[in-house]
């Protein structure tokens, strides 16, 4: 019985290692297949740092799958480009909110639904103003 438990434990460990390696390989392949290098993802946010002078925190709304490494990389690059302003992921209570959605239509629908005012648009990224924002 003890040997059976050990064999079962080894099988579980091997399965976990296999799943981890599979996920890692898929992420690497997905990142390498991009036409745009990861460090270029943040360029579409350039210029917004001028809007956010003296603004401590800005909302960052996305409908993208945050389990996707590219969606996370996009958010991280936006944060990097806009330092020292902090981006609060999927929170819209702030005066300024960046909409980075799967399509401009999805972003516009979300902006209208929330009652915000679209201010700037660049490369699919839309900056909106929340009239009741903090």
C-alpha atoms as a PDB file:
ATOM      1  CA  UNK A   1       0.000   0.000   0.000  1.00  0.00           C
ATOM      2  CA  UNK A   2       2.853   2.371   0.834  1.00  0.00           C
ATOM      3  CA  UNK A   3       4.501   1.738  -2.552  1.00  0.00           C
ATOM      4  CA  UNK A   4       1.201   2.517  -4.276  1.00  0.00           C
ATOM      5  CA  UNK A   5       0.987   5.880  -2.456  1.00  0.00           C
ATOM      6  CA  UNK A   6       4.548   6.719  -3.470  1.00  0.00           C
ATOM      7  CA  UNK A   7       3.842   5.830  -7.107  1.00  0.00           C
ATOM      8  CA  UNK A   8       0.670   7.945  -7.026  1.00  0.00           C
ATOM      9  CA  UNK A   9       2.564  10.898  -5.536  1.00  0.00           C
ATOM     10  CA  UNK A  10       5.277  10.623  -8.198  1.00  0.00           C
ATOM     11  CA  UNK A  11       2.622  10.534 -10.942  1.00  0.00           C
ATOM     12  CA  UNK A  12       0.947  13.641  -9.517  1.00  0.00           C
ATOM     13  CA  UNK A  13       4.271  15.493  -9.351  1.00  0.00           C
ATOM     14  CA  UNK A  14       5.146  14.517 -12.924  1.00  0.00           C
ATOM     15  CA  UNK A  15       1.728  15.651 -14.124  1.00  0.00           C
ATOM     16  CA  UNK A  16       2.141  19.017 -12.387  1.00  0.00           C
ATOM     17  CA  UNK A  17       5.615  19.486 -13.891  1.00  0.00           C
ATOM     18  CA  UNK A  18       4.305  18.551 -17.343  1.00  0.00           C
ATOM     19  CA  UNK A  19       1.417  21.043 -17.061  1.00  0.00           C
ATOM     20  CA  UNK A  20       3.794  23.776 -15.921  1.00  0.00           C
ATOM     21  CA  UNK A  21       6.200  23.137 -18.791  1.00  0.00           C
ATOM     22  CA  UNK A  22       3.328  23.072 -21.290  1.00  0.00           C
ATOM     23  CA  UNK A  23       2.002  26.431 -20.063  1.00  0.00           C
ATOM     24  CA  UNK A  24       5.501  27.922 -20.087  1.00  0.00           C
ATOM     25  CA  UNK A  25       6.133  26.679 -23.643  1.00  0.00           C
ATOM     26  CA  UNK A  26       2.816  28.082 -24.864  1.00  0.00           C
ATOM     27  CA  UNK A  27       3.581  31.469 -23.312  1.00  0.00           C
ATOM     28  CA  UNK A  28       7.029  31.573 -24.912  1.00  0.00           C
ATOM     29  CA  UNK A  29       5.632  30.629 -28.328  1.00  0.00           C
ATOM     30  CA  UNK A  30       2.883  33.234 -28.027  1.00  0.00           C
ATOM     31  CA  UNK A  31       5.377  35.926 -27.083  1.00  0.00           C
ATOM     32  CA  UNK A  32       7.803  35.004 -29.871  1.00  0.00           C
ATOM     33  CA  UNK A  33       5.107  34.951 -32.560  1.00  0.00           C
ATOM     34  CA  UNK A  34       4.359  38.649 -32.087  1.00  0.00           C
ATOM     35  CA  UNK A  35       5.164  41.012 -34.915  1.00  0.00           C
ATOM     36  CA  UNK A  36       5.613  43.782 -32.335  1.00  0.00           C
ATOM     37  CA  UNK A  37       8.310  43.305 -29.697  1.00  0.00           C
ATOM     38  CA  UNK A  38       7.092  43.467 -26.094  1.00  0.00           C
ATOM     39  CA  UNK A  39       9.051  46.619 -25.358  1.00  0.00           C
ATOM     40  CA  UNK A  40       7.119  48.373 -28.143  1.00  0.00           C
ATOM     41  CA  UNK A  41       3.726  47.709 -26.560  1.00  0.00           C
ATOM     42  CA  UNK A  42       4.037  50.813 -24.423  1.00  0.00           C
ATOM     43  CA  UNK A  43       4.611  53.252 -27.279  1.00  0.00           C
ATOM     44  CA  UNK A  44       0.892  53.680 -27.862  1.00  0.00           C
ATOM     45  CA  UNK A  45       0.662  55.269 -24.402  1.00  0.00           C
ATOM     46  CA  UNK A  46       3.295  57.913 -25.159  1.00  0.00           C
ATOM     47  CA  UNK A  47       2.006  61.438 -24.738  1.00  0.00           C
ATOM     48  CA  UNK A  48      -0.463  60.551 -22.001  1.00  0.00           C
ATOM     49  CA  UNK A  49       2.184  61.338 -19.389  1.00  0.00           C
ATOM     50  CA  UNK A  50       1.672  65.003 -20.339  1.00  0.00           C
ATOM     51  CA  UNK A  51      -2.046  64.732 -19.561  1.00  0.00           C
ATOM     52  CA  UNK A  52      -1.326  63.062 -16.238  1.00  0.00           C
ATOM     53  CA  UNK A  53       1.082  65.654 -14.816  1.00  0.00           C
ATOM     54  CA  UNK A  54       0.360  65.940 -11.073  1.00  0.00           C
ATOM     55  CA  UNK A  55      -2.162  63.058 -11.320  1.00  0.00           C
ATOM     56  CA  UNK A  56      -1.377  60.308  -8.834  1.00  0.00           C
ATOM     57  CA  UNK A  57      -3.740  57.529  -9.984  1.00  0.00           C
ATOM     58  CA  UNK A  58      -5.592  56.780 -13.234  1.00  0.00           C
ATOM     59  CA  UNK A  59      -8.043  53.989 -14.004  1.00  0.00           C
ATOM     60  CA  UNK A  60      -7.091  51.370 -16.596  1.00  0.00           C
ATOM     61  CA  UNK A  61     -10.051  49.447 -18.001  1.00  0.00           C
ATOM     62  CA  UNK A  62      -9.638  46.401 -20.200  1.00  0.00           C
ATOM     63  CA  UNK A  63     -11.843  43.564 -21.359  1.00  0.00           C
ATOM     64  CA  UNK A  64      -8.821  41.548 -22.469  1.00  0.00           C
ATOM     65  CA  UNK A  65      -8.139  38.130 -20.937  1.00  0.00           C
ATOM     66  CA  UNK A  66      -5.683  38.850 -18.151  1.00  0.00           C
ATOM     67  CA  UNK A  67      -4.600  35.207 -18.163  1.00  0.00           C
ATOM     68  CA  UNK A  68      -3.010  35.992 -21.517  1.00  0.00           C
ATOM     69  CA  UNK A  69       0.646  37.033 -21.049  1.00  0.00           C
ATOM     70  CA  UNK A  70       0.321  39.620 -23.818  1.00  0.00           C
ATOM     71  CA  UNK A  71      -2.543  41.410 -22.074  1.00  0.00           C
ATOM     72  CA  UNK A  72      -0.509  41.573 -18.864  1.00  0.00           C
ATOM     73  CA  UNK A  73       2.557  42.751 -20.820  1.00  0.00           C
ATOM     74  CA  UNK A  74       0.448  45.532 -22.372  1.00  0.00           C
ATOM     75  CA  UNK A  75      -0.679  46.711 -18.923  1.00  0.00           C
ATOM     76  CA  UNK A  76       2.856  46.529 -17.519  1.00  0.00           C
ATOM     77  CA  UNK A  77       4.251  48.527 -20.433  1.00  0.00           C
ATOM     78  CA  UNK A  78       1.528  51.153 -19.997  1.00  0.00           C
ATOM     79  CA  UNK A  79       2.435  51.444 -16.328  1.00  0.00           C
ATOM     80  CA  UNK A  80       6.109  51.727 -17.213  1.00  0.00           C
ATOM     81  CA  UNK A  81       5.487  54.473 -19.785  1.00  0.00           C
ATOM     82  CA  UNK A  82       3.294  56.536 -17.444  1.00  0.00           C
ATOM     83  CA  UNK A  83       5.413  56.476 -14.278  1.00  0.00           C
ATOM     84  CA  UNK A  84       5.001  58.092 -11.737  1.00  0.00           C
ATOM     85  CA  UNK A  85       1.236  57.905 -12.323  1.00  0.00           C
ATOM     86  CA  UNK A  86      -0.200  54.644 -10.960  1.00  0.00           C
ATOM     87  CA  UNK A  87      -2.607  52.666 -13.153  1.00  0.00           C
ATOM     88  CA  UNK A  88      -5.398  51.012 -11.179  1.00  0.00           C
ATOM     89  CA  UNK A  89      -6.420  47.936 -13.167  1.00  0.00           C
ATOM     90  CA  UNK A  90     -10.144  47.713 -13.985  1.00  0.00           C
ATOM     91  CA  UNK A  91     -11.139  50.537 -11.655  1.00  0.00           C
ATOM     92  CA  UNK A  92     -13.073  53.411 -13.193  1.00  0.00           C
ATOM     93  CA  UNK A  93     -13.765  55.729 -10.247  1.00  0.00           C
ATOM     94  CA  UNK A  94     -10.939  58.106 -11.192  1.00  0.00           C
ATOM     95  CA  UNK A  95     -11.212  61.335 -13.194  1.00  0.00           C
ATOM     96  CA  UNK A  96      -9.080  59.824 -16.001  1.00  0.00           C
ATOM     97  CA  UNK A  97      -9.584  56.280 -17.263  1.00  0.00           C
ATOM     98  CA  UNK A  98      -7.601  54.563 -20.021  1.00  0.00           C
ATOM     99  CA  UNK A  99      -9.663  52.093 -22.070  1.00  0.00           C
ATOM    100  CA  UNK A 100      -7.583  49.319 -23.636  1.00  0.00           C
ATOM    101  CA  UNK A 101     -10.151  46.913 -25.051  1.00  0.00           C
ATOM    102  CA  UNK A 102     -10.254  44.149 -27.643  1.00  0.00           C
ATOM    103  CA  UNK A 103     -11.703  46.662 -30.127  1.00  0.00           C
ATOM    104  CA  UNK A 104     -12.437  50.400 -30.224  1.00  0.00           C
ATOM    105  CA  UNK A 105     -16.157  49.583 -30.468  1.00  0.00           C
ATOM    106  CA  UNK A 106     -16.048  47.672 -27.175  1.00  0.00           C
ATOM    107  CA  UNK A 107     -14.236  50.602 -25.545  1.00  0.00           C
ATOM    108  CA  UNK A 108     -16.747  53.161 -26.851  1.00  0.00           C
ATOM    109  CA  UNK A 109     -19.667  51.025 -25.630  1.00  0.00           C
ATOM    110  CA  UNK A 110     -18.099  50.792 -22.153  1.00  0.00           C
ATOM    111  CA  UNK A 111     -17.433  54.558 -22.119  1.00  0.00           C
ATOM    112  CA  UNK A 112     -21.043  55.318 -23.085  1.00  0.00           C
ATOM    113  CA  UNK A 113     -22.395  52.790 -20.571  1.00  0.00           C
ATOM    114  CA  UNK A 114     -20.383  54.414 -17.768  1.00  0.00           C
ATOM    115  CA  UNK A 115     -21.367  57.943 -18.845  1.00  0.00           C
ATOM    116  CA  UNK A 116     -17.773  59.026 -19.486  1.00  0.00           C
ATOM    117  CA  UNK A 117     -16.518  61.464 -22.094  1.00  0.00           C
ATOM    118  CA  UNK A 118     -13.969  60.181 -24.655  1.00  0.00           C
ATOM    119  CA  UNK A 119     -11.089  62.664 -24.859  1.00  0.00           C
ATOM    120  CA  UNK A 120      -8.245  61.136 -26.890  1.00  0.00           C
ATOM    121  CA  UNK A 121      -7.790  58.079 -29.051  1.00  0.00           C
ATOM    122  CA  UNK A 122      -4.527  56.594 -30.286  1.00  0.00           C
ATOM    123  CA  UNK A 123      -3.796  53.141 -31.685  1.00  0.00           C
ATOM    124  CA  UNK A 124      -6.934  51.635 -30.168  1.00  0.00           C
ATOM    125  CA  UNK A 125      -6.325  53.149 -26.737  1.00  0.00           C
ATOM    126  CA  UNK A 126      -8.993  55.623 -25.625  1.00  0.00           C
ATOM    127  CA  UNK A 127      -8.596  58.117 -22.803  1.00  0.00           C
ATOM    128  CA  UNK A 128     -11.889  59.074 -21.180  1.00  0.00           C
ATOM    129  CA  UNK A 129     -12.880  61.559 -18.542  1.00  0.00           C
ATOM    130  CA  UNK A 130     -15.164  60.553 -15.690  1.00  0.00           C
ATOM    131  CA  UNK A 131     -17.210  63.660 -14.795  1.00  0.00           C
ATOM    132  CA  UNK A 132     -17.785  62.267 -11.284  1.00  0.00           C
ATOM    133  CA  UNK A 133     -14.283  60.899 -10.834  1.00  0.00           C
ATOM    134  CA  UNK A 134     -12.013  61.388  -7.866  1.00  0.00           C
END
